Amino acid sequence: MTFLEIRETPNPNAKLLIFLNPKVIAKNAKFGSMYFTKDKFVIPSFLAKKLLIDANIESILLTPDHITIVKRPAISWFYIIENACEIIESHFNSGLELFDAEAHDTFYKIEMKDCVMEVLLLNFTNLKGFEMFFGENSDSDLVTDLFTLLAITKVIFLENSILISFLNDENLEYKLESLNKILYSHFILKNGFYNDKAFTSKGTIISNFQAQEKKLFKRRVGDY
């Protein structure tokens, strides 16, 4: 098998499938990495969907140069690995990519209200919690790009959405197009909200924001 190299991991229920084809790695380089489980509401990868059809596979990690497969503990790899390798080889030999062509439509959707755009996150749960930013932020390239490229006054991270407040409601179509380009570059190509070593934020963080206060804040989004 020349397309993939199978490597063991410290976890006996996980194996790495390393891509050996440099053309595949180069083609995947534009993407980030993403973790999928069977209970994921949306899976924007036909390859991950095909692999997860196997009842014995619990999760998949897709990266530009390898795939990690985690199986059920009680099942032998003998019944899994050969089929998985065949699926992966067939997928890339058919000219398909790591993620679906319209993957961005399943990562987020945008709702607009006056000068506020709310980015509803459909496939991400790694926000730290409530954070408010009033300018560029060294811990988040996404926040820096938003303030650098768009005329905005503040960015707010919630649990499952991002609120972006613009200076005015002019040229909304252009702003929406620009916002989509920024979000695509981070959610698909970079796949992240924070820089690699960002453990604290320079934004105004309210770490003990109570559930009742969150609900009140969400109801008053239009007022800020």
N, C-alpha and C. Protein backbone atom coordinates (compact mmCIF):
# COMPACT_ATOMS: atom_id res chain seq x y z
N MET A 1 0.86 -1.19 0.00
CA MET A 1 0.00 0.00 0.00
C MET A 1 0.90 1.24 0.00
N THR A 2 0.93 1.97 -1.12
CA THR A 2 1.85 3.08 -1.27
C THR A 2 1.21 4.44 -1.01
N PHE A 3 -0.11 4.49 -0.94
CA PHE A 3 -0.80 5.76 -0.77
C PHE A 3 -0.74 6.23 0.68
N LEU A 4 -0.81 5.27 1.62
CA LEU A 4 -0.88 5.60 3.04
C LEU A 4 0.14 4.78 3.83
N GLU A 5 0.62 5.39 4.90
CA GLU A 5 1.46 4.67 5.87
C GLU A 5 0.71 4.61 7.18
N ILE A 6 0.57 3.43 7.74
CA ILE A 6 -0.16 3.26 9.00
C ILE A 6 0.81 3.30 10.16
N ARG A 7 0.53 4.17 11.13
CA ARG A 7 1.40 4.30 12.30
C ARG A 7 0.61 4.09 13.57
N GLU A 8 1.26 3.46 14.54
CA GLU A 8 0.65 3.24 15.85
C GLU A 8 0.71 4.54 16.66
N THR A 9 -0.15 4.63 17.66
CA THR A 9 -0.15 5.77 18.58
C THR A 9 -0.12 5.22 20.00
N PRO A 10 0.13 6.06 21.00
CA PRO A 10 0.08 5.58 22.39
C PRO A 10 -1.29 5.04 22.77
N ASN A 11 -2.32 5.48 22.07
CA ASN A 11 -3.67 4.98 22.31
C ASN A 11 -3.90 3.75 21.42
N PRO A 12 -4.10 2.57 21.99
CA PRO A 12 -4.28 1.36 21.17
C PRO A 12 -5.53 1.40 20.30
N ASN A 13 -6.44 2.31 20.61
CA ASN A 13 -7.67 2.42 19.83
C ASN A 13 -7.59 3.52 18.76
N ALA A 14 -6.40 4.07 18.55
CA ALA A 14 -6.22 5.12 17.55
C ALA A 14 -5.04 4.79 16.65
N LYS A 15 -5.20 5.07 15.37
CA LYS A 15 -4.11 4.88 14.41
C LYS A 15 -4.00 6.12 13.51
N LEU A 16 -2.76 6.41 13.12
CA LEU A 16 -2.50 7.49 12.17
C LEU A 16 -2.37 6.90 10.77
N LEU A 17 -3.05 7.50 9.81
CA LEU A 17 -2.92 7.13 8.41
C LEU A 17 -2.24 8.30 7.71
N ILE A 18 -0.94 8.16 7.45
CA ILE A 18 -0.13 9.24 6.90
C ILE A 18 -0.20 9.23 5.38
N PHE A 19 -0.48 10.41 4.78
CA PHE A 19 -0.50 10.52 3.33
C PHE A 19 0.94 10.48 2.80
N LEU A 20 1.19 9.64 1.82
CA LEU A 20 2.50 9.55 1.19
C LEU A 20 2.55 10.23 -0.17
N ASN A 21 1.39 10.58 -0.70
CA ASN A 21 1.31 11.24 -2.01
C ASN A 21 1.50 12.74 -1.84
N PRO A 22 2.61 13.32 -2.31
CA PRO A 22 2.86 14.75 -2.11
C PRO A 22 1.81 15.64 -2.78
N LYS A 23 1.18 15.15 -3.86
CA LYS A 23 0.15 15.95 -4.53
C LYS A 23 -1.08 16.09 -3.64
N VAL A 24 -1.43 15.03 -2.93
CA VAL A 24 -2.57 15.08 -2.01
C VAL A 24 -2.28 16.03 -0.86
N ILE A 25 -1.07 15.95 -0.31
CA ILE A 25 -0.69 16.84 0.80
C ILE A 25 -0.72 18.29 0.35
N ALA A 26 -0.20 18.56 -0.83
CA ALA A 26 -0.18 19.93 -1.36
C ALA A 26 -1.59 20.44 -1.57
N LYS A 27 -2.48 19.58 -2.06
CA LYS A 27 -3.87 19.98 -2.30
C LYS A 27 -4.59 20.24 -0.99
N ASN A 28 -4.25 19.48 0.05
CA ASN A 28 -4.89 19.64 1.35
C ASN A 28 -4.34 20.81 2.16
N ALA A 29 -3.20 21.34 1.73
CA ALA A 29 -2.49 22.35 2.53
C ALA A 29 -3.32 23.59 2.79
N LYS A 30 -4.29 23.88 1.92
CA LYS A 30 -5.11 25.08 2.10
C LYS A 30 -6.12 24.92 3.22
N PHE A 31 -6.33 23.69 3.68
CA PHE A 31 -7.32 23.44 4.73
C PHE A 31 -6.67 23.40 6.11
N GLY A 32 -7.50 23.57 7.12
CA GLY A 32 -7.06 23.35 8.49
C GLY A 32 -7.38 21.92 8.90
N SER A 33 -7.48 21.69 10.19
CA SER A 33 -7.81 20.36 10.70
C SER A 33 -9.17 20.40 11.37
N MET A 34 -9.85 19.26 11.38
CA MET A 34 -11.16 19.23 12.03
C MET A 34 -11.46 17.83 12.55
N TYR A 35 -12.10 17.81 13.71
CA TYR A 35 -12.42 16.57 14.42
C TYR A 35 -13.91 16.27 14.25
N PHE A 36 -14.24 15.02 13.92
CA PHE A 36 -15.63 14.64 13.70
C PHE A 36 -15.98 13.40 14.52
N THR A 37 -17.19 13.40 15.04
CA THR A 37 -17.75 12.22 15.70
C THR A 37 -19.10 11.90 15.06
N LYS A 38 -19.64 10.75 15.38
CA LYS A 38 -20.91 10.35 14.77
C LYS A 38 -22.05 11.28 15.15
N ASP A 39 -21.98 11.90 16.35
CA ASP A 39 -23.08 12.74 16.79
C ASP A 39 -22.92 14.20 16.36
N LYS A 40 -21.93 14.48 15.51
CA LYS A 40 -21.76 15.83 14.99
C LYS A 40 -22.98 16.18 14.15
N PHE A 41 -23.57 17.33 14.41
CA PHE A 41 -24.80 17.69 13.71
C PHE A 41 -24.56 17.88 12.21
N VAL A 42 -23.46 18.51 11.87
CA VAL A 42 -23.13 18.75 10.46
C VAL A 42 -21.70 18.27 10.21
N ILE A 43 -21.50 17.50 9.18
CA ILE A 43 -20.16 17.00 8.82
C ILE A 43 -19.86 17.49 7.40
N PRO A 44 -19.10 18.57 7.26
CA PRO A 44 -18.83 19.14 5.93
C PRO A 44 -17.70 18.44 5.20
N SER A 45 -17.65 17.12 5.30
CA SER A 45 -16.62 16.35 4.63
C SER A 45 -17.20 15.01 4.20
N PHE A 46 -17.30 14.80 2.89
CA PHE A 46 -17.83 13.54 2.37
C PHE A 46 -16.94 12.38 2.80
N LEU A 47 -15.62 12.64 2.87
CA LEU A 47 -14.69 11.59 3.30
C LEU A 47 -14.97 11.16 4.73
N ALA A 48 -15.14 12.12 5.64
CA ALA A 48 -15.44 11.79 7.04
C ALA A 48 -16.76 11.05 7.15
N LYS A 49 -17.75 11.46 6.37
CA LYS A 49 -19.05 10.79 6.40
C LYS A 49 -18.90 9.32 6.01
N LYS A 50 -18.13 9.06 4.94
CA LYS A 50 -17.95 7.68 4.47
C LYS A 50 -17.23 6.83 5.52
N LEU A 51 -16.23 7.41 6.19
CA LEU A 51 -15.49 6.66 7.20
C LEU A 51 -16.36 6.38 8.43
N LEU A 52 -17.18 7.34 8.81
CA LEU A 52 -18.00 7.19 10.01
C LEU A 52 -19.21 6.29 9.81
N ILE A 53 -19.46 5.87 8.58
CA ILE A 53 -20.53 4.89 8.34
C ILE A 53 -20.22 3.59 9.08
N ASP A 54 -18.92 3.28 9.19
CA ASP A 54 -18.48 2.08 9.92
C ASP A 54 -18.86 2.24 11.39
N ALA A 55 -19.72 1.34 11.87
CA ALA A 55 -20.20 1.43 13.25
C ALA A 55 -19.08 1.28 14.27
N ASN A 56 -17.93 0.72 13.85
CA ASN A 56 -16.83 0.48 14.78
C ASN A 56 -15.89 1.68 14.90
N ILE A 57 -16.07 2.70 14.06
CA ILE A 57 -15.25 3.92 14.13
C ILE A 57 -15.99 4.96 14.95
N GLU A 58 -15.32 5.47 15.99
CA GLU A 58 -15.96 6.44 16.88
C GLU A 58 -15.72 7.88 16.46
N SER A 59 -14.51 8.17 15.95
CA SER A 59 -14.20 9.56 15.60
C SER A 59 -13.12 9.61 14.53
N ILE A 60 -13.03 10.77 13.88
CA ILE A 60 -12.08 11.00 12.80
C ILE A 60 -11.45 12.38 12.99
N LEU A 61 -10.14 12.47 12.85
CA LEU A 61 -9.46 13.76 12.79
C LEU A 61 -8.85 13.90 11.40
N LEU A 62 -9.33 14.89 10.64
CA LEU A 62 -8.79 15.16 9.31
C LEU A 62 -7.77 16.29 9.38
N THR A 63 -6.58 16.07 8.83
CA THR A 63 -5.56 17.11 8.75
C THR A 63 -4.99 17.09 7.33
N PRO A 64 -4.24 18.10 6.92
CA PRO A 64 -3.69 18.12 5.56
C PRO A 64 -2.77 16.95 5.23
N ASP A 65 -2.06 16.39 6.23
CA ASP A 65 -1.08 15.33 5.90
C ASP A 65 -1.37 13.98 6.54
N HIS A 66 -2.42 13.88 7.33
CA HIS A 66 -2.76 12.56 7.89
C HIS A 66 -4.20 12.55 8.39
N ILE A 67 -4.67 11.35 8.66
CA ILE A 67 -5.99 11.15 9.25
C ILE A 67 -5.82 10.26 10.47
N THR A 68 -6.44 10.66 11.57
CA THR A 68 -6.44 9.83 12.78
C THR A 68 -7.81 9.18 12.92
N ILE A 69 -7.81 7.87 13.07
CA ILE A 69 -9.06 7.12 13.26
C ILE A 69 -9.07 6.54 14.66
N VAL A 70 -10.18 6.74 15.38
CA VAL A 70 -10.35 6.16 16.71
C VAL A 70 -11.50 5.17 16.64
N LYS A 71 -11.23 3.94 17.08
CA LYS A 71 -12.23 2.87 16.99
C LYS A 71 -12.82 2.55 18.36
N ARG A 72 -13.86 1.74 18.34
CA ARG A 72 -14.43 1.24 19.59
C ARG A 72 -13.43 0.29 20.25
N PRO A 73 -13.28 0.34 21.57
CA PRO A 73 -12.25 -0.45 22.26
C PRO A 73 -12.35 -1.95 22.05
N ALA A 74 -13.54 -2.50 21.95
CA ALA A 74 -13.69 -3.96 21.92
C ALA A 74 -13.49 -4.57 20.54
N ILE A 75 -13.25 -3.75 19.52
CA ILE A 75 -13.20 -4.23 18.14
C ILE A 75 -11.74 -4.31 17.66
N SER A 76 -11.43 -5.35 16.90
CA SER A 76 -10.08 -5.51 16.34
C SER A 76 -9.89 -4.58 15.15
N TRP A 77 -8.66 -4.11 14.99
CA TRP A 77 -8.34 -3.27 13.83
C TRP A 77 -8.47 -4.04 12.53
N PHE A 78 -8.39 -5.34 12.59
CA PHE A 78 -8.45 -6.17 11.39
C PHE A 78 -9.71 -5.90 10.58
N TYR A 79 -10.80 -5.58 11.26
CA TYR A 79 -12.08 -5.37 10.59
C TYR A 79 -12.28 -3.92 10.15
N ILE A 80 -11.34 -3.06 10.45
CA ILE A 80 -11.54 -1.63 10.21
C ILE A 80 -10.53 -1.04 9.24
N ILE A 81 -9.25 -1.31 9.46
CA ILE A 81 -8.21 -0.52 8.82
C ILE A 81 -8.15 -0.71 7.30
N GLU A 82 -8.32 -1.94 6.84
CA GLU A 82 -8.24 -2.17 5.39
C GLU A 82 -9.35 -1.43 4.65
N ASN A 83 -10.56 -1.49 5.19
CA ASN A 83 -11.68 -0.80 4.56
C ASN A 83 -11.49 0.71 4.58
N ALA A 84 -10.98 1.23 5.71
CA ALA A 84 -10.74 2.67 5.83
C ALA A 84 -9.71 3.14 4.81
N CYS A 85 -8.66 2.40 4.64
CA CYS A 85 -7.62 2.76 3.67
C CYS A 85 -8.17 2.77 2.24
N GLU A 86 -9.01 1.80 1.93
CA GLU A 86 -9.61 1.74 0.60
C GLU A 86 -10.51 2.95 0.35
N ILE A 87 -11.27 3.35 1.36
CA ILE A 87 -12.15 4.52 1.24
C ILE A 87 -11.33 5.78 0.99
N ILE A 88 -10.24 5.95 1.76
CA ILE A 88 -9.41 7.15 1.64
C ILE A 88 -8.73 7.21 0.27
N GLU A 89 -8.15 6.11 -0.16
CA GLU A 89 -7.48 6.08 -1.46
C GLU A 89 -8.47 6.36 -2.59
N SER A 90 -9.62 5.73 -2.54
CA SER A 90 -10.63 5.92 -3.57
C SER A 90 -11.11 7.37 -3.61
N HIS A 91 -11.25 7.96 -2.43
CA HIS A 91 -11.72 9.36 -2.33
C HIS A 91 -10.77 10.31 -3.05
N PHE A 92 -9.48 10.22 -2.74
CA PHE A 92 -8.51 11.15 -3.34
C PHE A 92 -8.19 10.79 -4.79
N ASN A 93 -8.23 9.52 -5.13
CA ASN A 93 -8.01 9.11 -6.52
C ASN A 93 -9.13 9.61 -7.43
N SER A 94 -10.29 9.89 -6.84
CA SER A 94 -11.43 10.42 -7.61
C SER A 94 -11.35 11.93 -7.78
N GLY A 95 -10.30 12.54 -7.20
CA GLY A 95 -10.12 13.98 -7.33
C GLY A 95 -10.88 14.81 -6.31
N LEU A 96 -11.47 14.14 -5.31
CA LEU A 96 -12.21 14.87 -4.28
C LEU A 96 -11.26 15.46 -3.26
N GLU A 97 -11.76 16.45 -2.50
CA GLU A 97 -10.92 17.15 -1.52
C GLU A 97 -11.24 16.71 -0.09
N LEU A 98 -10.42 17.22 0.83
CA LEU A 98 -10.56 16.87 2.24
C LEU A 98 -11.93 17.29 2.77
N PHE A 99 -12.35 18.50 2.40
CA PHE A 99 -13.66 19.02 2.79
C PHE A 99 -14.50 19.27 1.55
N ASP A 100 -15.81 19.32 1.73
CA ASP A 100 -16.71 19.54 0.61
C ASP A 100 -16.51 20.94 0.04
N ALA A 101 -16.84 21.10 -1.24
CA ALA A 101 -16.63 22.37 -1.94
C ALA A 101 -17.40 23.52 -1.29
N GLU A 102 -18.59 23.24 -0.77
CA GLU A 102 -19.41 24.28 -0.15
C GLU A 102 -19.40 24.16 1.37
N ALA A 103 -18.26 23.77 1.91
CA ALA A 103 -18.18 23.50 3.35
C ALA A 103 -18.53 24.71 4.20
N HIS A 104 -18.21 25.92 3.68
CA HIS A 104 -18.44 27.10 4.51
C HIS A 104 -19.91 27.28 4.84
N ASP A 105 -20.83 26.74 4.00
CA ASP A 105 -22.25 26.87 4.27
C ASP A 105 -22.68 26.05 5.49
N THR A 106 -21.87 25.09 5.90
CA THR A 106 -22.21 24.27 7.05
C THR A 106 -21.40 24.63 8.28
N PHE A 107 -20.50 25.60 8.16
CA PHE A 107 -19.69 26.02 9.30
C PHE A 107 -20.36 27.15 10.07
N TYR A 108 -21.04 28.03 9.36
CA TYR A 108 -21.67 29.16 10.02
C TYR A 108 -22.76 29.74 9.13
N LYS A 109 -23.62 30.55 9.73
CA LYS A 109 -24.54 31.36 8.95
C LYS A 109 -24.62 32.73 9.61
N ILE A 110 -24.97 33.73 8.83
CA ILE A 110 -24.93 35.11 9.31
C ILE A 110 -26.35 35.70 9.31
N GLU A 111 -26.72 36.30 10.43
CA GLU A 111 -27.98 37.03 10.52
C GLU A 111 -27.67 38.50 10.77
N MET A 112 -28.44 39.38 10.11
CA MET A 112 -28.17 40.81 10.20
C MET A 112 -29.33 41.54 10.87
N LYS A 113 -29.00 42.52 11.70
CA LYS A 113 -29.99 43.39 12.32
C LYS A 113 -29.38 44.77 12.48
N ASP A 114 -29.85 45.70 11.65
CA ASP A 114 -29.32 47.06 11.66
C ASP A 114 -27.80 47.05 11.46
N CYS A 115 -27.05 47.54 12.44
CA CYS A 115 -25.59 47.62 12.32
C CYS A 115 -24.88 46.41 12.92
N VAL A 116 -25.64 45.37 13.26
CA VAL A 116 -25.06 44.21 13.93
C VAL A 116 -25.20 42.98 13.04
N MET A 117 -24.11 42.23 12.90
CA MET A 117 -24.15 40.94 12.23
C MET A 117 -23.83 39.87 13.27
N GLU A 118 -24.66 38.85 13.34
CA GLU A 118 -24.42 37.74 14.26
C GLU A 118 -24.02 36.52 13.45
N VAL A 119 -22.84 35.98 13.76
CA VAL A 119 -22.33 34.79 13.10
C VAL A 119 -22.70 33.59 13.98
N LEU A 120 -23.67 32.80 13.51
CA LEU A 120 -24.10 31.63 14.26
C LEU A 120 -23.21 30.45 13.91
N LEU A 121 -22.53 29.90 14.89
CA LEU A 121 -21.55 28.83 14.65
C LEU A 121 -22.25 27.48 14.64
N LEU A 122 -22.06 26.74 13.55
CA LEU A 122 -22.74 25.46 13.38
C LEU A 122 -21.85 24.27 13.68
N ASN A 123 -20.54 24.50 13.71
CA ASN A 123 -19.64 23.36 13.83
C ASN A 123 -18.46 23.62 14.74
N PHE A 124 -18.56 24.64 15.60
CA PHE A 124 -17.44 24.98 16.47
C PHE A 124 -17.94 25.16 17.90
N THR A 125 -17.15 24.66 18.84
CA THR A 125 -17.51 24.81 20.25
C THR A 125 -16.30 25.20 21.08
N ASN A 126 -15.26 25.73 20.44
CA ASN A 126 -14.02 25.98 21.18
C ASN A 126 -13.82 27.44 21.55
N LEU A 127 -14.90 28.22 21.61
CA LEU A 127 -14.78 29.57 22.14
C LEU A 127 -14.56 29.49 23.65
N LYS A 128 -13.78 30.42 24.19
CA LYS A 128 -13.46 30.38 25.62
C LYS A 128 -14.65 30.78 26.49
N GLY A 129 -15.62 31.45 25.92
CA GLY A 129 -16.73 31.98 26.68
C GLY A 129 -16.97 33.42 26.29
N PHE A 130 -17.61 34.18 27.16
CA PHE A 130 -17.95 35.56 26.84
C PHE A 130 -16.69 36.43 26.83
N GLU A 131 -16.44 37.09 25.69
CA GLU A 131 -15.33 38.02 25.57
C GLU A 131 -15.76 39.20 24.70
N MET A 132 -15.30 40.39 25.08
CA MET A 132 -15.63 41.58 24.32
C MET A 132 -14.34 42.27 23.90
N PHE A 133 -14.25 42.65 22.62
CA PHE A 133 -13.05 43.28 22.07
C PHE A 133 -13.41 44.62 21.44
N PHE A 134 -12.54 45.61 21.69
CA PHE A 134 -12.76 46.95 21.14
C PHE A 134 -11.64 47.35 20.20
N GLY A 135 -10.77 46.43 19.86
CA GLY A 135 -9.68 46.72 18.95
C GLY A 135 -8.92 45.45 18.61
N GLU A 136 -7.84 45.59 17.87
CA GLU A 136 -7.03 44.44 17.47
C GLU A 136 -6.55 43.67 18.70
N ASN A 137 -6.41 42.35 18.55
CA ASN A 137 -6.06 41.50 19.69
C ASN A 137 -4.98 40.51 19.31
N SER A 138 -3.88 40.48 20.07
CA SER A 138 -2.74 39.64 19.72
C SER A 138 -3.02 38.16 19.92
N ASP A 139 -4.05 37.83 20.71
CA ASP A 139 -4.38 36.43 20.96
C ASP A 139 -5.34 35.86 19.92
N SER A 140 -5.92 36.71 19.10
CA SER A 140 -6.89 36.24 18.12
C SER A 140 -6.65 36.94 16.78
N ASP A 141 -6.14 36.18 15.82
CA ASP A 141 -5.97 36.72 14.47
C ASP A 141 -7.31 37.06 13.85
N LEU A 142 -8.35 36.32 14.22
CA LEU A 142 -9.68 36.60 13.68
C LEU A 142 -10.14 37.99 14.09
N VAL A 143 -10.02 38.31 15.38
CA VAL A 143 -10.41 39.63 15.86
C VAL A 143 -9.58 40.73 15.19
N THR A 144 -8.29 40.50 15.09
CA THR A 144 -7.41 41.49 14.45
C THR A 144 -7.82 41.72 13.00
N ASP A 145 -8.12 40.65 12.27
CA ASP A 145 -8.54 40.80 10.88
C ASP A 145 -9.85 41.55 10.77
N LEU A 146 -10.78 41.29 11.66
CA LEU A 146 -12.07 41.97 11.62
C LEU A 146 -11.91 43.47 11.80
N PHE A 147 -11.09 43.87 12.79
CA PHE A 147 -10.89 45.29 13.03
C PHE A 147 -10.04 45.94 11.94
N THR A 148 -9.11 45.21 11.37
CA THR A 148 -8.23 45.76 10.35
C THR A 148 -8.95 45.95 9.02
N LEU A 149 -9.79 44.99 8.66
CA LEU A 149 -10.38 44.97 7.32
C LEU A 149 -11.80 45.50 7.25
N LEU A 150 -12.46 45.63 8.40
CA LEU A 150 -13.84 46.11 8.40
C LEU A 150 -13.98 47.31 9.33
N ALA A 151 -14.93 48.19 9.03
CA ALA A 151 -15.20 49.36 9.87
C ALA A 151 -16.16 48.95 10.98
N ILE A 152 -15.61 48.41 12.07
CA ILE A 152 -16.45 47.92 13.16
C ILE A 152 -16.06 48.60 14.48
N THR A 153 -16.97 48.50 15.45
CA THR A 153 -16.73 49.14 16.75
C THR A 153 -16.43 48.14 17.85
N LYS A 154 -16.98 46.93 17.72
CA LYS A 154 -16.71 45.92 18.74
C LYS A 154 -17.02 44.54 18.21
N VAL A 155 -16.37 43.55 18.83
CA VAL A 155 -16.61 42.13 18.55
C VAL A 155 -16.90 41.44 19.87
N ILE A 156 -17.93 40.62 19.89
CA ILE A 156 -18.28 39.89 21.12
C ILE A 156 -18.35 38.40 20.82
N PHE A 157 -17.59 37.62 21.57
CA PHE A 157 -17.66 36.16 21.48
C PHE A 157 -18.68 35.67 22.51
N LEU A 158 -19.66 34.90 22.06
CA LEU A 158 -20.57 34.20 22.95
C LEU A 158 -20.27 32.71 22.86
N GLU A 159 -21.09 31.88 23.44
CA GLU A 159 -20.81 30.44 23.45
C GLU A 159 -20.92 29.83 22.06
N ASN A 160 -21.92 30.24 21.31
CA ASN A 160 -22.16 29.62 20.01
C ASN A 160 -22.32 30.65 18.89
N SER A 161 -21.88 31.86 19.12
CA SER A 161 -22.01 32.88 18.09
C SER A 161 -21.03 34.01 18.33
N ILE A 162 -20.85 34.81 17.30
CA ILE A 162 -19.99 35.99 17.37
C ILE A 162 -20.81 37.19 16.91
N LEU A 163 -20.83 38.25 17.72
CA LEU A 163 -21.54 39.47 17.37
C LEU A 163 -20.54 40.51 16.88
N ILE A 164 -20.85 41.13 15.74
CA ILE A 164 -19.96 42.12 15.16
C ILE A 164 -20.76 43.40 14.95
N SER A 165 -20.33 44.48 15.59
CA SER A 165 -21.03 45.77 15.51
C SER A 165 -20.32 46.70 14.54
N PHE A 166 -21.03 47.14 13.51
CA PHE A 166 -20.47 48.04 12.50
C PHE A 166 -20.76 49.50 12.85
N LEU A 167 -19.97 50.41 12.27
CA LEU A 167 -20.16 51.84 12.52
C LEU A 167 -21.50 52.32 11.99
N ASN A 168 -21.96 51.74 10.88
CA ASN A 168 -23.22 52.14 10.29
C ASN A 168 -23.77 50.97 9.46
N ASP A 169 -24.96 51.15 8.91
CA ASP A 169 -25.58 50.08 8.12
C ASP A 169 -25.47 50.34 6.62
N GLU A 170 -24.48 51.13 6.21
CA GLU A 170 -24.26 51.40 4.79
C GLU A 170 -23.45 50.26 4.14
N ASN A 171 -23.69 50.06 2.85
CA ASN A 171 -22.93 49.06 2.06
C ASN A 171 -22.93 47.69 2.72
N LEU A 172 -24.10 47.26 3.18
CA LEU A 172 -24.18 45.98 3.89
C LEU A 172 -23.78 44.80 3.00
N GLU A 173 -24.10 44.89 1.72
CA GLU A 173 -23.75 43.79 0.82
C GLU A 173 -22.24 43.62 0.72
N TYR A 174 -21.53 44.74 0.63
CA TYR A 174 -20.06 44.69 0.57
C TYR A 174 -19.50 44.18 1.90
N LYS A 175 -20.07 44.65 3.01
CA LYS A 175 -19.59 44.21 4.33
C LYS A 175 -19.82 42.72 4.53
N LEU A 176 -20.96 42.24 4.05
CA LEU A 176 -21.26 40.82 4.18
C LEU A 176 -20.29 39.99 3.36
N GLU A 177 -19.99 40.44 2.15
CA GLU A 177 -19.04 39.73 1.30
C GLU A 177 -17.65 39.69 1.93
N SER A 178 -17.22 40.83 2.49
CA SER A 178 -15.90 40.90 3.14
C SER A 178 -15.86 40.02 4.38
N LEU A 179 -16.94 40.05 5.15
CA LEU A 179 -17.01 39.23 6.36
C LEU A 179 -16.93 37.74 6.00
N ASN A 180 -17.62 37.34 4.95
CA ASN A 180 -17.58 35.94 4.52
C ASN A 180 -16.16 35.51 4.16
N LYS A 181 -15.42 36.38 3.49
CA LYS A 181 -14.04 36.05 3.11
C LYS A 181 -13.17 35.86 4.35
N ILE A 182 -13.35 36.73 5.34
CA ILE A 182 -12.56 36.62 6.57
C ILE A 182 -12.91 35.33 7.32
N LEU A 183 -14.21 35.08 7.47
CA LEU A 183 -14.65 33.88 8.18
C LEU A 183 -14.20 32.62 7.48
N TYR A 184 -14.29 32.61 6.14
CA TYR A 184 -13.86 31.44 5.38
C TYR A 184 -12.38 31.14 5.63
N SER A 185 -11.57 32.20 5.62
CA SER A 185 -10.13 32.00 5.78
C SER A 185 -9.80 31.43 7.15
N HIS A 186 -10.60 31.76 8.17
CA HIS A 186 -10.32 31.27 9.52
C HIS A 186 -10.98 29.92 9.80
N PHE A 187 -12.23 29.75 9.39
CA PHE A 187 -12.96 28.54 9.73
C PHE A 187 -12.59 27.37 8.84
N ILE A 188 -12.25 27.63 7.58
CA ILE A 188 -11.92 26.54 6.66
C ILE A 188 -10.41 26.37 6.54
N LEU A 189 -9.70 27.47 6.28
CA LEU A 189 -8.28 27.35 6.02
C LEU A 189 -7.46 27.31 7.29
N LYS A 190 -7.82 28.13 8.30
CA LYS A 190 -7.08 28.14 9.56
C LYS A 190 -7.80 27.34 10.63
N ASN A 191 -9.14 27.37 10.57
CA ASN A 191 -9.93 26.59 11.50
C ASN A 191 -9.66 26.98 12.96
N GLY A 192 -9.85 28.23 13.30
CA GLY A 192 -9.64 28.62 14.68
C GLY A 192 -10.03 30.04 14.97
N PHE A 193 -10.21 30.32 16.25
CA PHE A 193 -10.53 31.66 16.71
C PHE A 193 -9.33 32.33 17.35
N TYR A 194 -8.45 31.52 17.94
CA TYR A 194 -7.32 32.06 18.68
C TYR A 194 -6.01 31.62 18.06
N ASN A 195 -4.94 32.34 18.38
CA ASN A 195 -3.61 31.91 17.95
C ASN A 195 -3.21 30.66 18.73
N ASP A 196 -2.19 29.96 18.25
CA ASP A 196 -1.82 28.65 18.81
C ASP A 196 -1.55 28.68 20.31
N LYS A 197 -0.90 29.76 20.80
CA LYS A 197 -0.49 29.78 22.20
C LYS A 197 -1.27 30.81 23.01
N ALA A 198 -2.50 31.08 22.55
CA ALA A 198 -3.32 32.08 23.24
C ALA A 198 -4.12 31.42 24.36
N PHE A 199 -3.69 31.61 25.59
CA PHE A 199 -4.40 31.03 26.72
C PHE A 199 -5.19 32.09 27.48
N THR A 200 -4.81 33.34 27.32
CA THR A 200 -5.57 34.43 27.93
C THR A 200 -5.82 35.47 26.86
N SER A 201 -6.83 36.26 27.07
CA SER A 201 -7.19 37.26 26.07
C SER A 201 -7.01 38.66 26.64
N LYS A 202 -6.64 39.61 25.78
CA LYS A 202 -6.50 40.99 26.18
C LYS A 202 -7.81 41.75 26.02
N GLY A 203 -8.86 41.03 25.59
CA GLY A 203 -10.17 41.64 25.52
C GLY A 203 -10.74 41.74 26.92
N THR A 204 -11.94 42.32 27.02
CA THR A 204 -12.60 42.42 28.31
C THR A 204 -13.31 41.11 28.57
N ILE A 205 -12.73 40.26 29.41
CA ILE A 205 -13.26 38.92 29.66
C ILE A 205 -14.11 38.92 30.93
N ILE A 206 -15.29 38.35 30.82
CA ILE A 206 -16.14 38.18 31.98
C ILE A 206 -16.27 36.68 32.19
N SER A 207 -15.37 36.10 32.95
CA SER A 207 -15.28 34.65 33.07
C SER A 207 -16.42 34.06 33.87
N ASN A 208 -17.00 34.82 34.79
CA ASN A 208 -18.06 34.28 35.64
C ASN A 208 -19.41 34.86 35.25
N PHE A 209 -19.58 35.09 33.97
CA PHE A 209 -20.84 35.63 33.45
C PHE A 209 -21.96 34.65 33.75
N GLN A 210 -22.98 35.06 34.48
CA GLN A 210 -24.04 34.15 34.89
C GLN A 210 -25.03 33.88 33.76
N ALA A 211 -25.67 32.71 33.81
CA ALA A 211 -26.59 32.31 32.75
C ALA A 211 -27.73 33.31 32.57
N GLN A 212 -28.25 33.83 33.68
CA GLN A 212 -29.35 34.78 33.60
C GLN A 212 -28.91 36.07 32.92
N GLU A 213 -27.68 36.52 33.21
CA GLU A 213 -27.15 37.73 32.60
C GLU A 213 -26.92 37.53 31.11
N LYS A 214 -26.50 36.33 30.73
CA LYS A 214 -26.30 36.02 29.32
C LYS A 214 -27.60 36.15 28.55
N LYS A 215 -28.68 35.58 29.13
CA LYS A 215 -29.97 35.65 28.47
C LYS A 215 -30.41 37.11 28.31
N LEU A 216 -30.21 37.91 29.35
CA LEU A 216 -30.56 39.32 29.29
C LEU A 216 -29.76 40.03 28.22
N PHE A 217 -28.47 39.71 28.14
CA PHE A 217 -27.60 40.33 27.14
C PHE A 217 -28.08 39.99 25.73
N LYS A 218 -28.42 38.73 25.51
CA LYS A 218 -28.86 38.30 24.19
C LYS A 218 -30.15 39.00 23.78
N ARG A 219 -31.05 39.25 24.77
CA ARG A 219 -32.30 39.92 24.44
C ARG A 219 -32.07 41.37 24.07
N ARG A 220 -30.95 41.94 24.54
CA ARG A 220 -30.69 43.36 24.31
C ARG A 220 -29.62 43.58 23.25
N VAL A 221 -29.37 42.55 22.46
CA VAL A 221 -28.33 42.67 21.43
C VAL A 221 -28.59 43.87 20.53
N GLY A 222 -29.85 44.10 20.19
CA GLY A 222 -30.17 45.20 19.28
C GLY A 222 -29.88 46.57 19.88
N ASP A 223 -29.70 46.66 21.21
CA ASP A 223 -29.49 47.95 21.86
C ASP A 223 -28.06 48.37 21.94
N TYR A 224 -27.12 47.44 21.70
CA TYR A 224 -25.73 47.81 21.93
C TYR A 224 -25.12 48.39 20.65
